[in-house]
PDB file of N, CA and C in Angstrom:
ATOM      1  N   MET A   1     -20.452  -4.140  29.681  1.00  0.00           N
ATOM      2  CA  MET A   1     -20.666  -2.853  29.073  1.00  0.00           C
ATOM      3  C   MET A   1     -19.315  -2.240  28.713  1.00  0.00           C
ATOM      4  N   ILE A   2     -19.213  -1.720  27.515  1.00  0.00           N
ATOM      5  CA  ILE A   2     -17.992  -1.075  27.046  1.00  0.00           C
ATOM      6  C   ILE A   2     -18.131   0.428  27.233  1.00  0.00           C
ATOM      7  N   ARG A   3     -17.129   1.014  27.857  1.00  0.00           N
ATOM      8  CA  ARG A   3     -17.121   2.465  28.028  1.00  0.00           C
ATOM      9  C   ARG A   3     -15.944   3.036  27.264  1.00  0.00           C
ATOM     10  N   PHE A   4     -16.193   4.111  26.590  1.00  0.00           N
ATOM     11  CA  PHE A   4     -15.147   4.779  25.846  1.00  0.00           C
ATOM     12  C   PHE A   4     -14.666   5.986  26.634  1.00  0.00           C
ATOM     13  N   GLN A   5     -13.383   6.087  26.747  1.00  0.00           N
ATOM     14  CA  GLN A   5     -12.800   7.178  27.510  1.00  0.00           C
ATOM     15  C   GLN A   5     -12.702   8.410  26.615  1.00  0.00           C
ATOM     16  N   GLN A   6     -13.255   9.503  27.083  1.00  0.00           N
ATOM     17  CA  GLN A   6     -13.187  10.740  26.315  1.00  0.00           C
ATOM     18  C   GLN A   6     -11.795  11.336  26.447  1.00  0.00           C
ATOM     19  N   ASN A   7     -11.357  11.966  25.377  1.00  0.00           N
ATOM     20  CA  ASN A   7     -10.035  12.612  25.333  1.00  0.00           C
ATOM     21  C   ASN A   7      -8.900  11.622  25.594  1.00  0.00           C
ATOM     22  N   ALA A   8      -9.102  10.382  25.235  1.00  0.00           N
ATOM     23  CA  ALA A   8      -8.067   9.368  25.421  1.00  0.00           C
ATOM     24  C   ALA A   8      -6.934   9.608  24.436  1.00  0.00           C
ATOM     25  N   ARG A   9      -5.720   9.325  24.877  1.00  0.00           N
ATOM     26  CA  ARG A   9      -4.567   9.452  23.987  1.00  0.00           C
ATOM     27  C   ARG A   9      -4.530   8.265  23.040  1.00  0.00           C
ATOM     28  N   PRO A  10      -4.164   8.492  21.788  1.00  0.00           N
ATOM     29  CA  PRO A  10      -4.057   7.354  20.867  1.00  0.00           C
ATOM     30  C   PRO A  10      -2.905   6.439  21.280  1.00  0.00           C
ATOM     31  N   ARG A  11      -3.050   5.156  20.991  1.00  0.00           N
ATOM     32  CA  ARG A  11      -2.006   4.187  21.310  1.00  0.00           C
ATOM     33  C   ARG A  11      -0.798   4.435  20.435  1.00  0.00           C
ATOM     34  N   THR A  12       0.364   4.432  21.024  1.00  0.00           N
ATOM     35  CA  THR A  12       1.592   4.657  20.261  1.00  0.00           C
ATOM     36  C   THR A  12       2.483   3.420  20.253  1.00  0.00           C
ATOM     37  N   ASP A  13       1.999   2.323  20.809  1.00  0.00           N
ATOM     38  CA  ASP A  13       2.815   1.121  20.865  1.00  0.00           C
ATOM     39  C   ASP A  13       2.612   0.202  19.665  1.00  0.00           C
ATOM     40  N   THR A  14       1.950   0.694  18.626  1.00  0.00           N
ATOM     41  CA  THR A  14       1.750  -0.095  17.418  1.00  0.00           C
ATOM     42  C   THR A  14       3.081  -0.206  16.677  1.00  0.00           C
ATOM     43  N   PRO A  15       3.519  -1.410  16.340  1.00  0.00           N
ATOM     44  CA  PRO A  15       4.789  -1.579  15.638  1.00  0.00           C
ATOM     45  C   PRO A  15       4.753  -0.893  14.269  1.00  0.00           C
ATOM     46  N   SER A  16       5.889  -0.336  13.873  1.00  0.00           N
ATOM     47  CA  SER A  16       5.966   0.285  12.556  1.00  0.00           C
ATOM     48  C   SER A  16       6.480  -0.742  11.540  1.00  0.00           C
ATOM     49  N   HIS A  17       6.186  -0.509  10.286  1.00  0.00           N
ATOM     50  CA  HIS A  17       6.618  -1.408   9.212  1.00  0.00           C
ATOM     51  C   HIS A  17       8.119  -1.247   8.973  1.00  0.00           C
ATOM     52  N   GLN A  18       8.811  -2.366   8.856  1.00  0.00           N
ATOM     53  CA  GLN A  18      10.255  -2.374   8.641  1.00  0.00           C
ATOM     54  C   GLN A  18      10.603  -2.292   7.152  1.00  0.00           C
ATOM     55  N   PHE A  19       9.753  -2.826   6.286  1.00  0.00           N
ATOM     56  CA  PHE A  19      10.048  -2.897   4.858  1.00  0.00           C
ATOM     57  C   PHE A  19       9.278  -1.837   4.091  1.00  0.00           C
ATOM     58  N   ALA A  20       9.895  -1.356   3.004  1.00  0.00           N
ATOM     59  CA  ALA A  20       9.288  -0.325   2.171  1.00  0.00           C
ATOM     60  C   ALA A  20       8.587  -0.961   0.974  1.00  0.00           C
ATOM     61  N   ILE A  21       7.603  -0.268   0.442  1.00  0.00           N
ATOM     62  CA  ILE A  21       6.926  -0.728  -0.782  1.00  0.00           C
ATOM     63  C   ILE A  21       7.960  -0.753  -1.898  1.00  0.00           C
ATOM     64  N   GLY A  22       8.002  -1.861  -2.638  1.00  0.00           N
ATOM     65  CA  GLY A  22       8.967  -2.033  -3.717  1.00  0.00           C
ATOM     66  C   GLY A  22      10.228  -2.768  -3.296  1.00  0.00           C
ATOM     67  N   GLN A  23      10.449  -2.943  -2.000  1.00  0.00           N
ATOM     68  CA  GLN A  23      11.639  -3.628  -1.503  1.00  0.00           C
ATOM     69  C   GLN A  23      11.539  -5.121  -1.790  1.00  0.00           C
ATOM     70  N   THR A  24      12.679  -5.748  -2.073  1.00  0.00           N
ATOM     71  CA  THR A  24      12.730  -7.188  -2.331  1.00  0.00           C
ATOM     72  C   THR A  24      13.043  -7.911  -1.039  1.00  0.00           C
ATOM     73  N   VAL A  25      12.235  -8.935  -0.745  1.00  0.00           N
ATOM     74  CA  VAL A  25      12.377  -9.712   0.490  1.00  0.00           C
ATOM     75  C   VAL A  25      12.319 -11.200   0.167  1.00  0.00           C
ATOM     76  N   ARG A  26      12.618 -11.991   1.167  1.00  0.00           N
ATOM     77  CA  ARG A  26      12.561 -13.454   1.062  1.00  0.00           C
ATOM     78  C   ARG A  26      11.790 -13.953   2.264  1.00  0.00           C
ATOM     79  N   MET A  27      11.078 -15.054   2.098  1.00  0.00           N
ATOM     80  CA  MET A  27      10.392 -15.685   3.226  1.00  0.00           C
ATOM     81  C   MET A  27      11.446 -16.373   4.082  1.00  0.00           C
ATOM     82  N   LYS A  28      11.339 -16.236   5.398  1.00  0.00           N
ATOM     83  CA  LYS A  28      12.259 -16.923   6.303  1.00  0.00           C
ATOM     84  C   LYS A  28      12.005 -18.413   6.220  1.00  0.00           C
ATOM     85  N   SER A  29      13.077 -19.193   6.341  1.00  0.00           N
ATOM     86  CA  SER A  29      12.901 -20.646   6.314  1.00  0.00           C
ATOM     87  C   SER A  29      12.270 -21.096   7.619  1.00  0.00           C
ATOM     88  N   ARG A  30      11.495 -22.123   7.548  1.00  0.00           N
ATOM     89  CA  ARG A  30      10.836 -22.677   8.725  1.00  0.00           C
ATOM     90  C   ARG A  30      11.400 -24.055   8.984  1.00  0.00           C
ATOM     91  N   THR A  31      11.451 -24.432  10.216  1.00  0.00           N
ATOM     92  CA  THR A  31      11.994 -25.728  10.598  1.00  0.00           C
ATOM     93  C   THR A  31      11.243 -26.847   9.879  1.00  0.00           C
ATOM     94  N   GLY A  32      12.000 -27.716   9.222  1.00  0.00           N
ATOM     95  CA  GLY A  32      11.399 -28.863   8.552  1.00  0.00           C
ATOM     96  C   GLY A  32      11.005 -28.606   7.110  1.00  0.00           C
ATOM     97  N   LEU A  33      11.086 -27.358   6.664  1.00  0.00           N
ATOM     98  CA  LEU A  33      10.728 -27.046   5.285  1.00  0.00           C
ATOM     99  C   LEU A  33      11.971 -26.625   4.519  1.00  0.00           C
ATOM    100  N   VAL A  34      12.022 -26.974   3.240  1.00  0.00           N
ATOM    101  CA  VAL A  34      13.144 -26.598   2.395  1.00  0.00           C
ATOM    102  C   VAL A  34      12.948 -25.155   1.931  1.00  0.00           C
ATOM    103  N   GLN A  35      13.988 -24.339   2.108  1.00  0.00           N
ATOM    104  CA  GLN A  35      13.912 -22.946   1.684  1.00  0.00           C
ATOM    105  C   GLN A  35      14.221 -22.853   0.196  1.00  0.00           C
ATOM    106  N   LYS A  36      13.373 -22.147  -0.527  1.00  0.00           N
ATOM    107  CA  LYS A  36      13.612 -21.919  -1.945  1.00  0.00           C
ATOM    108  C   LYS A  36      14.475 -20.667  -2.049  1.00  0.00           C
ATOM    109  N   THR A  37      15.765 -20.846  -2.345  1.00  0.00           N
ATOM    110  CA  THR A  37      16.688 -19.720  -2.322  1.00  0.00           C
ATOM    111  C   THR A  37      16.409 -18.722  -3.434  1.00  0.00           C
ATOM    112  N   ALA A  38      15.843 -19.179  -4.542  1.00  0.00           N
ATOM    113  CA  ALA A  38      15.609 -18.283  -5.665  1.00  0.00           C
ATOM    114  C   ALA A  38      14.279 -17.548  -5.559  1.00  0.00           C
ATOM    115  N   GLU A  39      13.449 -17.902  -4.591  1.00  0.00           N
ATOM    116  CA  GLU A  39      12.122 -17.301  -4.503  1.00  0.00           C
ATOM    117  C   GLU A  39      12.176 -15.989  -3.741  1.00  0.00           C
ATOM    118  N   LEU A  40      12.158 -14.896  -4.500  1.00  0.00           N
ATOM    119  CA  LEU A  40      12.168 -13.561  -3.939  1.00  0.00           C
ATOM    120  C   LEU A  40      10.813 -12.920  -4.162  1.00  0.00           C
ATOM    121  N   PHE A  41      10.447 -12.037  -3.260  1.00  0.00           N
ATOM    122  CA  PHE A  41       9.164 -11.353  -3.332  1.00  0.00           C
ATOM    123  C   PHE A  41       9.383  -9.856  -3.275  1.00  0.00           C
ATOM    124  N   GLN A  42       8.474  -9.131  -3.876  1.00  0.00           N
ATOM    125  CA  GLN A  42       8.513  -7.680  -3.811  1.00  0.00           C
ATOM    126  C   GLN A  42       7.336  -7.210  -2.960  1.00  0.00           C
ATOM    127  N   ILE A  43       7.593  -6.247  -2.072  1.00  0.00           N
ATOM    128  CA  ILE A  43       6.535  -5.680  -1.237  1.00  0.00           C
ATOM    129  C   ILE A  43       5.637  -4.844  -2.139  1.00  0.00           C
ATOM    130  N   LYS A  44       4.349  -5.186  -2.180  1.00  0.00           N
ATOM    131  CA  LYS A  44       3.388  -4.459  -3.011  1.00  0.00           C
ATOM    132  C   LYS A  44       2.620  -3.420  -2.204  1.00  0.00           C
ATOM    133  N   SER A  45       2.313  -3.727  -0.938  1.00  0.00           N
ATOM    134  CA  SER A  45       1.620  -2.751  -0.089  1.00  0.00           C
ATOM    135  C   SER A  45       1.783  -3.138   1.372  1.00  0.00           C
ATOM    136  N   ARG A  46       1.609  -2.141   2.230  1.00  0.00           N
ATOM    137  CA  ARG A  46       1.633  -2.348   3.670  1.00  0.00           C
ATOM    138  C   ARG A  46       0.195  -2.511   4.142  1.00  0.00           C
ATOM    139  N   LEU A  47      -0.001  -3.441   5.058  1.00  0.00           N
ATOM    140  CA  LEU A  47      -1.325  -3.703   5.603  1.00  0.00           C
ATOM    141  C   LEU A  47      -1.296  -3.472   7.120  1.00  0.00           C
ATOM    142  N   PRO A  48      -2.450  -3.430   7.755  1.00  0.00           N
ATOM    143  CA  PRO A  48      -2.490  -3.192   9.207  1.00  0.00           C
ATOM    144  C   PRO A  48      -1.796  -4.294  10.013  1.00  0.00           C
ATOM    145  N   VAL A  49      -1.486  -3.974  11.241  1.00  0.00           N
ATOM    146  CA  VAL A  49      -0.840  -4.908  12.165  1.00  0.00           C
ATOM    147  C   VAL A  49      -1.809  -6.021  12.536  1.00  0.00           C
ATOM    148  N   LYS A  50      -1.294  -7.257  12.586  1.00  0.00           N
ATOM    149  CA  LYS A  50      -2.088  -8.411  13.000  1.00  0.00           C
ATOM    150  C   LYS A  50      -1.287  -9.164  14.054  1.00  0.00           C
ATOM    151  N   ASP A  51      -1.871  -9.363  15.209  1.00  0.00           N
ATOM    152  CA  ASP A  51      -1.219 -10.084  16.315  1.00  0.00           C
ATOM    153  C   ASP A  51       0.155  -9.496  16.651  1.00  0.00           C
ATOM    154  N   GLY A  52       0.268  -8.177  16.601  1.00  0.00           N
ATOM    155  CA  GLY A  52       1.502  -7.502  16.978  1.00  0.00           C
ATOM    156  C   GLY A  52       2.558  -7.435  15.898  1.00  0.00           C
ATOM    157  N   SER A  53       2.272  -7.908  14.694  1.00  0.00           N
ATOM    158  CA  SER A  53       3.249  -7.880  13.607  1.00  0.00           C
ATOM    159  C   SER A  53       2.642  -7.198  12.382  1.00  0.00           C
ATOM    160  N   PRO A  54       3.337  -6.191  11.815  1.00  0.00           N
ATOM    161  CA  PRO A  54       2.829  -5.554  10.597  1.00  0.00           C
ATOM    162  C   PRO A  54       2.677  -6.573   9.471  1.00  0.00           C
ATOM    163  N   GLN A  55       1.686  -6.372   8.615  1.00  0.00           N
ATOM    164  CA  GLN A  55       1.441  -7.268   7.494  1.00  0.00           C
ATOM    165  C   GLN A  55       1.816  -6.592   6.178  1.00  0.00           C
ATOM    166  N   TYR A  56       2.079  -7.415   5.179  1.00  0.00           N
ATOM    167  CA  TYR A  56       2.432  -6.937   3.842  1.00  0.00           C
ATOM    168  C   TYR A  56       1.727  -7.776   2.791  1.00  0.00           C
ATOM    169  N   ARG A  57       1.468  -7.162   1.649  1.00  0.00           N
ATOM    170  CA  ARG A  57       1.030  -7.880   0.458  1.00  0.00           C
ATOM    171  C   ARG A  57       2.285  -8.001  -0.399  1.00  0.00           C
ATOM    172  N   ILE A  58       2.660  -9.241  -0.742  1.00  0.00           N
ATOM    173  CA  ILE A  58       3.893  -9.495  -1.492  1.00  0.00           C
ATOM    174  C   ILE A  58       3.590 -10.270  -2.768  1.00  0.00           C
ATOM    175  N   ARG A  59       4.523 -10.193  -3.715  1.00  0.00           N
ATOM    176  CA  ARG A  59       4.337 -10.909  -4.978  1.00  0.00           C
ATOM    177  C   ARG A  59       5.681 -11.377  -5.513  1.00  0.00           C
ATOM    178  N   SER A  60       5.682 -12.583  -6.063  1.00  0.00           N
ATOM    179  CA  SER A  60       6.857 -13.160  -6.703  1.00  0.00           C
ATOM    180  C   SER A  60       6.668 -13.096  -8.213  1.00  0.00           C
ATOM    181  N   GLU A  61       7.765 -12.897  -8.926  1.00  0.00           N
ATOM    182  CA  GLU A  61       7.713 -12.881 -10.397  1.00  0.00           C
ATOM    183  C   GLU A  61       7.271 -14.238 -10.954  1.00  0.00           C
ATOM    184  N   GLN A  62       7.542 -15.321 -10.212  1.00  0.00           N
ATOM    185  CA  GLN A  62       7.225 -16.675 -10.675  1.00  0.00           C
ATOM    186  C   GLN A  62       5.777 -17.064 -10.424  1.00  0.00           C
ATOM    187  N   GLU A  63       5.016 -16.255  -9.700  1.00  0.00           N
ATOM    188  CA  GLU A  63       3.636 -16.602  -9.369  1.00  0.00           C
ATOM    189  C   GLU A  63       2.663 -15.600  -9.988  1.00  0.00           C
ATOM    190  N   THR A  64       1.447 -16.058 -10.212  1.00  0.00           N
ATOM    191  CA  THR A  64       0.418 -15.197 -10.800  1.00  0.00           C
ATOM    192  C   THR A  64      -0.483 -14.561  -9.755  1.00  0.00           C
ATOM    193  N   HIS A  65      -0.209 -14.812  -8.479  1.00  0.00           N
ATOM    194  CA  HIS A  65      -1.046 -14.273  -7.405  1.00  0.00           C
ATOM    195  C   HIS A  65      -0.177 -13.552  -6.375  1.00  0.00           C
ATOM    196  N   GLU A  66      -0.833 -12.794  -5.515  1.00  0.00           N
ATOM    197  CA  GLU A  66      -0.145 -12.119  -4.422  1.00  0.00           C
ATOM    198  C   GLU A  66      -0.408 -12.879  -3.130  1.00  0.00           C
ATOM    199  N   ARG A  67       0.471 -12.684  -2.163  1.00  0.00           N
ATOM    200  CA  ARG A  67       0.324 -13.307  -0.852  1.00  0.00           C
ATOM    201  C   ARG A  67       0.235 -12.211   0.204  1.00  0.00           C
ATOM    202  N   VAL A  68      -0.340 -12.555   1.347  1.00  0.00           N
ATOM    203  CA  VAL A  68      -0.341 -11.677   2.504  1.00  0.00           C
ATOM    204  C   VAL A  68       0.414 -12.410   3.605  1.00  0.00           C
ATOM    205  N   THR A  69       1.371 -11.721   4.231  1.00  0.00           N
ATOM    206  CA  THR A  69       2.158 -12.325   5.302  1.00  0.00           C
ATOM    207  C   THR A  69       2.515 -11.265   6.324  1.00  0.00           C
ATOM    208  N   THR A  70       2.909 -11.726   7.495  1.00  0.00           N
ATOM    209  CA  THR A  70       3.330 -10.807   8.544  1.00  0.00           C
ATOM    210  C   THR A  70       4.835 -10.583   8.465  1.00  0.00           C
ATOM    211  N   GLU A  71       5.272  -9.470   9.045  1.00  0.00           N
ATOM    212  CA  GLU A  71       6.675  -9.076   8.973  1.00  0.00           C
ATOM    213  C   GLU A  71       7.607 -10.109   9.597  1.00  0.00           C
ATOM    214  N   ASP A  72       7.144 -10.820  10.605  1.00  0.00           N
ATOM    215  CA  ASP A  72       8.004 -11.805  11.256  1.00  0.00           C
ATOM    216  C   ASP A  72       8.309 -13.004  10.367  1.00  0.00           C
ATOM    217  N   ASN A  73       7.650 -13.121   9.219  1.00  0.00           N
ATOM    218  CA  ASN A  73       7.933 -14.201   8.259  1.00  0.00           C
ATOM    219  C   ASN A  73       8.860 -13.758   7.135  1.00  0.00           C
ATOM    220  N   LEU A  74       9.299 -12.493   7.168  1.00  0.00           N
ATOM    221  CA  LEU A  74      10.098 -11.941   6.064  1.00  0.00           C
ATOM    222  C   LEU A  74      11.488 -11.534   6.536  1.00  0.00           C
ATOM    223  N   GLU A  75      12.426 -11.520   5.579  1.00  0.00           N
ATOM    224  CA  GLU A  75      13.759 -10.987   5.820  1.00  0.00           C
ATOM    225  C   GLU A  75      14.216 -10.279   4.549  1.00  0.00           C
ATOM    226  N   PRO A  76      15.098  -9.297   4.665  1.00  0.00           N
ATOM    227  CA  PRO A  76      15.582  -8.608   3.460  1.00  0.00           C
ATOM    228  C   PRO A  76      16.269  -9.591   2.520  1.00  0.00           C
ATOM    229  N   ALA A  77      16.129  -9.392   1.231  1.00  0.00           N
ATOM    230  CA  ALA A  77      16.704 -10.317   0.249  1.00  0.00           C
ATOM    231  C   ALA A  77      18.216 -10.251   0.210  1.00  0.00           C
ATOM    232  N   ASP A  78      18.800  -9.189   0.729  1.00  0.00           N
ATOM    233  CA  ASP A  78      20.253  -9.089   0.705  1.00  0.00           C
ATOM    234  C   ASP A  78      20.919  -9.865   1.825  1.00  0.00           C
ATOM    235  N   ASN A  79      20.121 -10.500   2.732  1.00  0.00           N
ATOM    236  CA  ASN A  79      20.692 -11.370   3.765  1.00  0.00           C
ATOM    237  C   ASN A  79      21.236 -12.630   3.109  1.00  0.00           C
ATOM    238  N   PRO A  80      22.392 -13.127   3.538  1.00  0.00           N
ATOM    239  CA  PRO A  80      22.926 -14.356   2.955  1.00  0.00           C
ATOM    240  C   PRO A  80      22.076 -15.566   3.323  1.00  0.00           C
ATOM    241  N   VAL A  81      22.021 -16.525   2.409  1.00  0.00           N
ATOM    242  CA  VAL A  81      21.299 -17.764   2.663  1.00  0.00           C
ATOM    243  C   VAL A  81      22.223 -18.687   3.431  1.00  0.00           C
ATOM    244  N   ILE A  82      21.773 -19.180   4.584  1.00  0.00           N
ATOM    245  CA  ILE A  82      22.582 -20.083   5.400  1.00  0.00           C
ATOM    246  C   ILE A  82      22.175 -21.510   5.072  1.00  0.00           C
ATOM    247  N   THR A  83      23.152 -22.322   4.721  1.00  0.00           N
ATOM    248  CA  THR A  83      22.864 -23.704   4.356  1.00  0.00           C
ATOM    249  C   THR A  83      24.014 -24.596   4.802  1.00  0.00           C
ATOM    250  N   ASP A  84      23.730 -25.871   4.998  1.00  0.00           N
ATOM    251  CA  ASP A  84      24.756 -26.840   5.356  1.00  0.00           C
ATOM    252  C   ASP A  84      25.404 -27.433   4.125  1.00  0.00           C
ATOM    253  N   ASN A  85      24.843 -27.186   2.949  1.00  0.00           N
ATOM    254  CA  ASN A  85      25.346 -27.762   1.722  1.00  0.00           C
ATOM    255  C   ASN A  85      26.215 -26.733   0.992  1.00  0.00           C
ATOM    256  N   PRO A  86      27.555 -26.923   0.931  1.00  0.00           N
ATOM    257  CA  PRO A  86      28.428 -25.933   0.302  1.00  0.00           C
ATOM    258  C   PRO A  86      28.111 -25.730  -1.179  1.00  0.00           C
ATOM    259  N   ALA A  87      27.620 -26.741  -1.876  1.00  0.00           N
ATOM    260  CA  ALA A  87      27.293 -26.582  -3.291  1.00  0.00           C
ATOM    261  C   ALA A  87      26.169 -25.587  -3.477  1.00  0.00           C
ATOM    262  N   VAL A  88      25.177 -25.584  -2.597  1.00  0.00           N
ATOM    263  CA  VAL A  88      24.064 -24.635  -2.671  1.00  0.00           C
ATOM    264  C   VAL A  88      24.548 -23.253  -2.254  1.00  0.00           C
ATOM    265  N   ALA A  89      25.407 -23.169  -1.246  1.00  0.00           N
ATOM    266  CA  ALA A  89      25.899 -21.882  -0.776  1.00  0.00           C
ATOM    267  C   ALA A  89      26.719 -21.176  -1.847  1.00  0.00           C
ATOM    268  N   ASN A  90      27.479 -21.927  -2.656  1.00  0.00           N
ATOM    269  CA  ASN A  90      28.306 -21.344  -3.702  1.00  0.00           C
ATOM    270  C   ASN A  90      27.515 -21.046  -4.968  1.00  0.00           C
ATOM    271  N   ASN A  91      26.393 -21.733  -5.159  1.00  0.00           N
ATOM    272  CA  ASN A  91      25.583 -21.529  -6.350  1.00  0.00           C
ATOM    273  C   ASN A  91      24.121 -21.518  -5.923  1.00  0.00           C
ATOM    274  N   PRO A  92      23.617 -20.364  -5.424  1.00  0.00           N
ATOM    275  CA  PRO A  92      22.259 -20.331  -4.863  1.00  0.00           C
ATOM    276  C   PRO A  92      21.143 -20.516  -5.865  1.00  0.00           C
ATOM    277  N   VAL A  93      21.442 -20.606  -7.147  1.00  0.00           N
ATOM    278  CA  VAL A  93      20.390 -20.784  -8.159  1.00  0.00           C
ATOM    279  C   VAL A  93      19.960 -22.234  -8.238  1.00  0.00           C
ATOM    280  N   LEU A  94      20.727 -23.153  -7.683  1.00  0.00           N
ATOM    281  CA  LEU A  94      20.380 -24.582  -7.757  1.00  0.00           C
ATOM    282  C   LEU A  94      19.057 -24.877  -7.169  1.00  0.00           C
TER     283      LEU A  94
END
């Protein structure tokens, strides 16, 4: 049986969104996958928290669809791309 507590305080431990609507972000690289350095996304909307991480609807100029992802998969686009290949680091458009 579920009981609801009257006059309960609202939960305040919900994580807040780190990124703003319109901000440009990049997907974090994952182990074993090649990171596309030129693939940038724009935050289109903020969505509710899922599994403790705020969600976002994002879109890339190169794609015709939008994606939904959690904040832990994103990083600001102004972060430098870390790579072991100096040619890619000097020319990230490759």
